[in-house]
C-alpha atoms as a PDB file:
ATOM      1  CA  UNK A   1     -58.351 180.302 -62.611  1.00  0.00           C
ATOM      2  CA  UNK A   2     -59.844 177.328 -60.763  1.00  0.00           C
ATOM      3  CA  UNK A   3     -62.494 179.568 -59.225  1.00  0.00           C
ATOM      4  CA  UNK A   4     -63.449 180.854 -62.667  1.00  0.00           C
ATOM      5  CA  UNK A   5     -63.849 177.314 -63.991  1.00  0.00           C
ATOM      6  CA  UNK A   6     -65.967 176.272 -60.986  1.00  0.00           C
ATOM      7  CA  UNK A   7     -68.126 179.380 -61.310  1.00  0.00           C
ATOM      8  CA  UNK A   8     -68.610 178.735 -65.030  1.00  0.00           C
ATOM      9  CA  UNK A   9     -69.647 175.143 -64.346  1.00  0.00           C
ATOM     10  CA  UNK A  10     -72.130 176.227 -61.686  1.00  0.00           C
ATOM     11  CA  UNK A  11     -73.683 178.795 -63.999  1.00  0.00           C
ATOM     12  CA  UNK A  12     -73.916 176.235 -66.793  1.00  0.00           C
ATOM     13  CA  UNK A  13     -75.583 173.724 -64.487  1.00  0.00           C
ATOM     14  CA  UNK A  14     -78.003 176.337 -63.207  1.00  0.00           C
ATOM     15  CA  UNK A  15     -79.082 176.951 -66.793  1.00  0.00           C
ATOM     16  CA  UNK A  16     -79.840 173.234 -67.200  1.00  0.00           C
ATOM     17  CA  UNK A  17     -82.154 173.064 -64.216  1.00  0.00           C
ATOM     18  CA  UNK A  18     -85.568 171.673 -65.226  1.00  0.00           C
ATOM     19  CA  UNK A  19     -87.522 174.150 -63.116  1.00  0.00           C
ATOM     20  CA  UNK A  20     -86.854 177.550 -61.608  1.00  0.00           C
ATOM     21  CA  UNK A  21     -85.441 177.602 -58.087  1.00  0.00           C
ATOM     22  CA  UNK A  22     -88.467 179.486 -56.795  1.00  0.00           C
ATOM     23  CA  UNK A  23     -90.452 176.242 -57.088  1.00  0.00           C
ATOM     24  CA  UNK A  24     -88.544 174.998 -54.071  1.00  0.00           C
ATOM     25  CA  UNK A  25     -90.520 177.383 -51.900  1.00  0.00           C
ATOM     26  CA  UNK A  26     -94.004 177.239 -53.418  1.00  0.00           C
ATOM     27  CA  UNK A  27     -96.522 177.531 -50.596  1.00  0.00           C
ATOM     28  CA  UNK A  28     -98.242 174.337 -49.566  1.00  0.00           C
ATOM     29  CA  UNK A  29    -102.005 174.179 -49.435  1.00  0.00           C
ATOM     30  CA  UNK A  30    -104.575 171.952 -47.771  1.00  0.00           C
ATOM     31  CA  UNK A  31    -104.540 169.716 -50.865  1.00  0.00           C
ATOM     32  CA  UNK A  32    -100.889 168.931 -50.120  1.00  0.00           C
ATOM     33  CA  UNK A  33    -101.811 167.349 -46.783  1.00  0.00           C
ATOM     34  CA  UNK A  34    -102.619 163.652 -46.490  1.00  0.00           C
ATOM     35  CA  UNK A  35    -106.269 162.720 -46.019  1.00  0.00           C
ATOM     36  CA  UNK A  36    -107.717 161.224 -42.839  1.00  0.00           C
ATOM     37  CA  UNK A  37    -109.527 157.899 -42.865  1.00  0.00           C
ATOM     38  CA  UNK A  38    -110.700 156.227 -39.670  1.00  0.00           C
ATOM     39  CA  UNK A  39    -108.548 158.529 -37.544  1.00  0.00           C
ATOM     40  CA  UNK A  40    -105.272 157.891 -39.367  1.00  0.00           C
ATOM     41  CA  UNK A  41    -103.488 159.381 -42.339  1.00  0.00           C
ATOM     42  CA  UNK A  42    -103.978 157.526 -45.599  1.00  0.00           C
ATOM     43  CA  UNK A  43    -100.357 158.063 -46.705  1.00  0.00           C
ATOM     44  CA  UNK A  44     -97.452 160.411 -46.110  1.00  0.00           C
ATOM     45  CA  UNK A  45     -96.756 160.899 -49.824  1.00  0.00           C
ATOM     46  CA  UNK A  46     -99.988 162.578 -50.962  1.00  0.00           C
ATOM     47  CA  UNK A  47    -100.168 166.020 -52.559  1.00  0.00           C
ATOM     48  CA  UNK A  48     -98.209 167.931 -55.177  1.00  0.00           C
ATOM     49  CA  UNK A  49     -94.614 168.648 -54.187  1.00  0.00           C
ATOM     50  CA  UNK A  50     -91.237 169.528 -55.608  1.00  0.00           C
ATOM     51  CA  UNK A  51     -89.816 166.341 -57.208  1.00  0.00           C
ATOM     52  CA  UNK A  52     -87.080 165.904 -54.592  1.00  0.00           C
ATOM     53  CA  UNK A  53     -89.578 166.362 -51.751  1.00  0.00           C
ATOM     54  CA  UNK A  54     -92.070 164.008 -53.439  1.00  0.00           C
ATOM     55  CA  UNK A  55     -89.379 161.329 -53.643  1.00  0.00           C
ATOM     56  CA  UNK A  56     -88.533 161.727 -49.953  1.00  0.00           C
ATOM     57  CA  UNK A  57     -92.224 161.580 -49.025  1.00  0.00           C
ATOM     58  CA  UNK A  58     -92.591 158.331 -50.989  1.00  0.00           C
ATOM     59  CA  UNK A  59     -89.630 156.902 -49.096  1.00  0.00           C
ATOM     60  CA  UNK A  60     -91.122 158.109 -45.808  1.00  0.00           C
ATOM     61  CA  UNK A  61     -94.409 156.391 -46.678  1.00  0.00           C
ATOM     62  CA  UNK A  62     -92.613 153.124 -47.428  1.00  0.00           C
ATOM     63  CA  UNK A  63     -90.755 153.371 -44.114  1.00  0.00           C
ATOM     64  CA  UNK A  64     -94.037 154.154 -42.322  1.00  0.00           C
ATOM     65  CA  UNK A  65     -95.631 151.028 -43.772  1.00  0.00           C
ATOM     66  CA  UNK A  66     -92.691 149.047 -42.394  1.00  0.00           C
ATOM     67  CA  UNK A  67     -92.994 150.906 -39.062  1.00  0.00           C
ATOM     68  CA  UNK A  68     -89.369 152.053 -39.363  1.00  0.00           C
ATOM     69  CA  UNK A  69     -89.951 155.336 -37.566  1.00  0.00           C
ATOM     70  CA  UNK A  70     -86.272 156.345 -37.508  1.00  0.00           C
ATOM     71  CA  UNK A  71     -86.225 156.191 -41.314  1.00  0.00           C
ATOM     72  CA  UNK A  72     -89.505 158.111 -41.533  1.00  0.00           C
ATOM     73  CA  UNK A  73     -87.963 160.890 -39.436  1.00  0.00           C
ATOM     74  CA  UNK A  74     -84.840 160.926 -41.585  1.00  0.00           C
ATOM     75  CA  UNK A  75     -86.772 161.286 -44.835  1.00  0.00           C
ATOM     76  CA  UNK A  76     -89.088 163.954 -43.465  1.00  0.00           C
ATOM     77  CA  UNK A  77     -86.139 165.901 -42.027  1.00  0.00           C
ATOM     78  CA  UNK A  78     -84.455 165.785 -45.430  1.00  0.00           C
ATOM     79  CA  UNK A  79     -87.638 167.031 -47.093  1.00  0.00           C
ATOM     80  CA  UNK A  80     -87.802 169.871 -44.593  1.00  0.00           C
ATOM     81  CA  UNK A  81     -84.195 170.813 -45.390  1.00  0.00           C
ATOM     82  CA  UNK A  82     -85.241 171.251 -49.017  1.00  0.00           C
ATOM     83  CA  UNK A  83     -88.410 173.189 -48.135  1.00  0.00           C
ATOM     84  CA  UNK A  84     -87.910 174.570 -44.615  1.00  0.00           C
ATOM     85  CA  UNK A  85     -91.110 176.643 -44.740  1.00  0.00           C
ATOM     86  CA  UNK A  86     -93.457 173.976 -46.058  1.00  0.00           C
ATOM     87  CA  UNK A  87     -96.243 173.480 -43.490  1.00  0.00           C
ATOM     88  CA  UNK A  88     -97.274 170.195 -45.132  1.00  0.00           C
ATOM     89  CA  UNK A  89     -93.958 168.653 -44.121  1.00  0.00           C
ATOM     90  CA  UNK A  90     -94.312 169.901 -40.540  1.00  0.00           C
ATOM     91  CA  UNK A  91     -97.819 168.409 -40.539  1.00  0.00           C
ATOM     92  CA  UNK A  92     -96.477 164.986 -41.529  1.00  0.00           C
ATOM     93  CA  UNK A  93     -93.728 165.166 -38.937  1.00  0.00           C
ATOM     94  CA  UNK A  94     -96.276 166.077 -36.267  1.00  0.00           C
ATOM     95  CA  UNK A  95     -98.513 163.177 -37.236  1.00  0.00           C
ATOM     96  CA  UNK A  96     -95.571 160.782 -36.952  1.00  0.00           C
ATOM     97  CA  UNK A  97     -94.728 162.191 -33.518  1.00  0.00           C
ATOM     98  CA  UNK A  98     -98.311 161.587 -32.410  1.00  0.00           C
ATOM     99  CA  UNK A  99     -98.089 157.981 -33.620  1.00  0.00           C
ATOM    100  CA  UNK A 100     -95.013 157.609 -31.431  1.00  0.00           C
ATOM    101  CA  UNK A 101     -96.793 159.096 -28.417  1.00  0.00           C
ATOM    102  CA  UNK A 102     -94.749 162.305 -28.477  1.00  0.00           C
ATOM    103  CA  UNK A 103     -97.536 164.916 -28.388  1.00  0.00           C
ATOM    104  CA  UNK A 104     -95.311 167.750 -27.128  1.00  0.00           C
ATOM    105  CA  UNK A 105     -93.080 167.388 -30.197  1.00  0.00           C
ATOM    106  CA  UNK A 106     -96.178 167.228 -32.401  1.00  0.00           C
ATOM    107  CA  UNK A 107     -97.514 170.431 -30.864  1.00  0.00           C
ATOM    108  CA  UNK A 108     -94.199 172.215 -31.448  1.00  0.00           C
ATOM    109  CA  UNK A 109     -94.128 171.144 -35.108  1.00  0.00           C
ATOM    110  CA  UNK A 110     -97.752 172.152 -35.681  1.00  0.00           C
ATOM    111  CA  UNK A 111     -97.224 175.590 -34.174  1.00  0.00           C
ATOM    112  CA  UNK A 112     -94.315 176.083 -36.569  1.00  0.00           C
ATOM    113  CA  UNK A 113     -96.504 174.906 -39.451  1.00  0.00           C
ATOM    114  CA  UNK A 114     -99.137 177.484 -38.512  1.00  0.00           C
ATOM    115  CA  UNK A 115     -96.526 180.243 -38.817  1.00  0.00           C
ATOM    116  CA  UNK A 116     -95.853 179.192 -42.419  1.00  0.00           C
ATOM    117  CA  UNK A 117     -99.493 178.510 -43.357  1.00  0.00           C
ATOM    118  CA  UNK A 118    -100.065 182.144 -44.280  1.00  0.00           C
ATOM    119  CA  UNK A 119    -103.658 183.082 -45.040  1.00  0.00           C
ATOM    120  CA  UNK A 120    -104.727 179.635 -46.290  1.00  0.00           C
ATOM    121  CA  UNK A 121    -107.823 179.001 -44.160  1.00  0.00           C
ATOM    122  CA  UNK A 122    -108.296 175.380 -45.269  1.00  0.00           C
ATOM    123  CA  UNK A 123    -104.692 174.554 -44.446  1.00  0.00           C
ATOM    124  CA  UNK A 124    -104.965 176.212 -41.042  1.00  0.00           C
ATOM    125  CA  UNK A 125    -108.131 174.239 -40.259  1.00  0.00           C
ATOM    126  CA  UNK A 126    -106.321 170.958 -40.938  1.00  0.00           C
ATOM    127  CA  UNK A 127    -103.353 172.054 -38.821  1.00  0.00           C
ATOM    128  CA  UNK A 128    -105.583 173.100 -35.921  1.00  0.00           C
ATOM    129  CA  UNK A 129    -107.477 169.780 -36.063  1.00  0.00           C
ATOM    130  CA  UNK A 130    -104.241 167.849 -35.595  1.00  0.00           C
ATOM    131  CA  UNK A 131    -103.088 170.338 -32.961  1.00  0.00           C
ATOM    132  CA  UNK A 132    -106.283 169.593 -31.003  1.00  0.00           C
ATOM    133  CA  UNK A 133    -105.340 165.906 -31.006  1.00  0.00           C
ATOM    134  CA  UNK A 134    -101.835 166.719 -29.774  1.00  0.00           C
ATOM    135  CA  UNK A 135    -103.215 168.875 -26.970  1.00  0.00           C
ATOM    136  CA  UNK A 136    -105.775 166.208 -25.999  1.00  0.00           C
ATOM    137  CA  UNK A 137    -102.962 163.662 -25.811  1.00  0.00           C
ATOM    138  CA  UNK A 138    -101.160 165.969 -23.372  1.00  0.00           C
ATOM    139  CA  UNK A 139    -104.208 166.229 -21.123  1.00  0.00           C
ATOM    140  CA  UNK A 140    -104.957 169.847 -22.054  1.00  0.00           C
ATOM    141  CA  UNK A 141    -108.662 169.650 -22.989  1.00  0.00           C
ATOM    142  CA  UNK A 142    -109.435 173.379 -22.764  1.00  0.00           C
ATOM    143  CA  UNK A 143    -106.634 174.249 -25.181  1.00  0.00           C
ATOM    144  CA  UNK A 144    -107.637 171.328 -27.396  1.00  0.00           C
ATOM    145  CA  UNK A 145    -111.204 172.652 -27.536  1.00  0.00           C
ATOM    146  CA  UNK A 146    -109.904 176.094 -28.510  1.00  0.00           C
ATOM    147  CA  UNK A 147    -107.796 174.553 -31.287  1.00  0.00           C
ATOM    148  CA  UNK A 148    -110.789 172.476 -32.388  1.00  0.00           C
ATOM    149  CA  UNK A 149    -112.849 175.671 -32.662  1.00  0.00           C
ATOM    150  CA  UNK A 150    -110.162 177.102 -34.966  1.00  0.00           C
ATOM    151  CA  UNK A 151    -110.491 174.013 -37.173  1.00  0.00           C
ATOM    152  CA  UNK A 152    -114.149 174.714 -38.094  1.00  0.00           C
END
């Protein structure tokens, strides 16, 4: 009986959801990535995202402005739990790792983002441009040049 009541409540709540669940996994595009200005990202919270992800990105941006990198990581990890295949979130995480002088972690995150980028050429160009920076930071100029070529 308890299971039936719980199931009924869950179904009722699902019917009240403001947007279909498929919106959780809408593919990200290049417009969902933050813009570059003078070699840095303008803000972590740019782009159109699911409301829960957008809220976490705003919190990550506030933490970034305060240079509270542990909080930035927490918010971005939570956003990635909501949208585990969103390359725009991986991109932000990689950028943060580069700011913390962790280029190997940035490279790993960017390679994962490329897997989820699909056929979006503009998105892939932005990912490869940041990947080139991560590879340069690791002292791998030949690989960085190859990534840079992919970004054009």
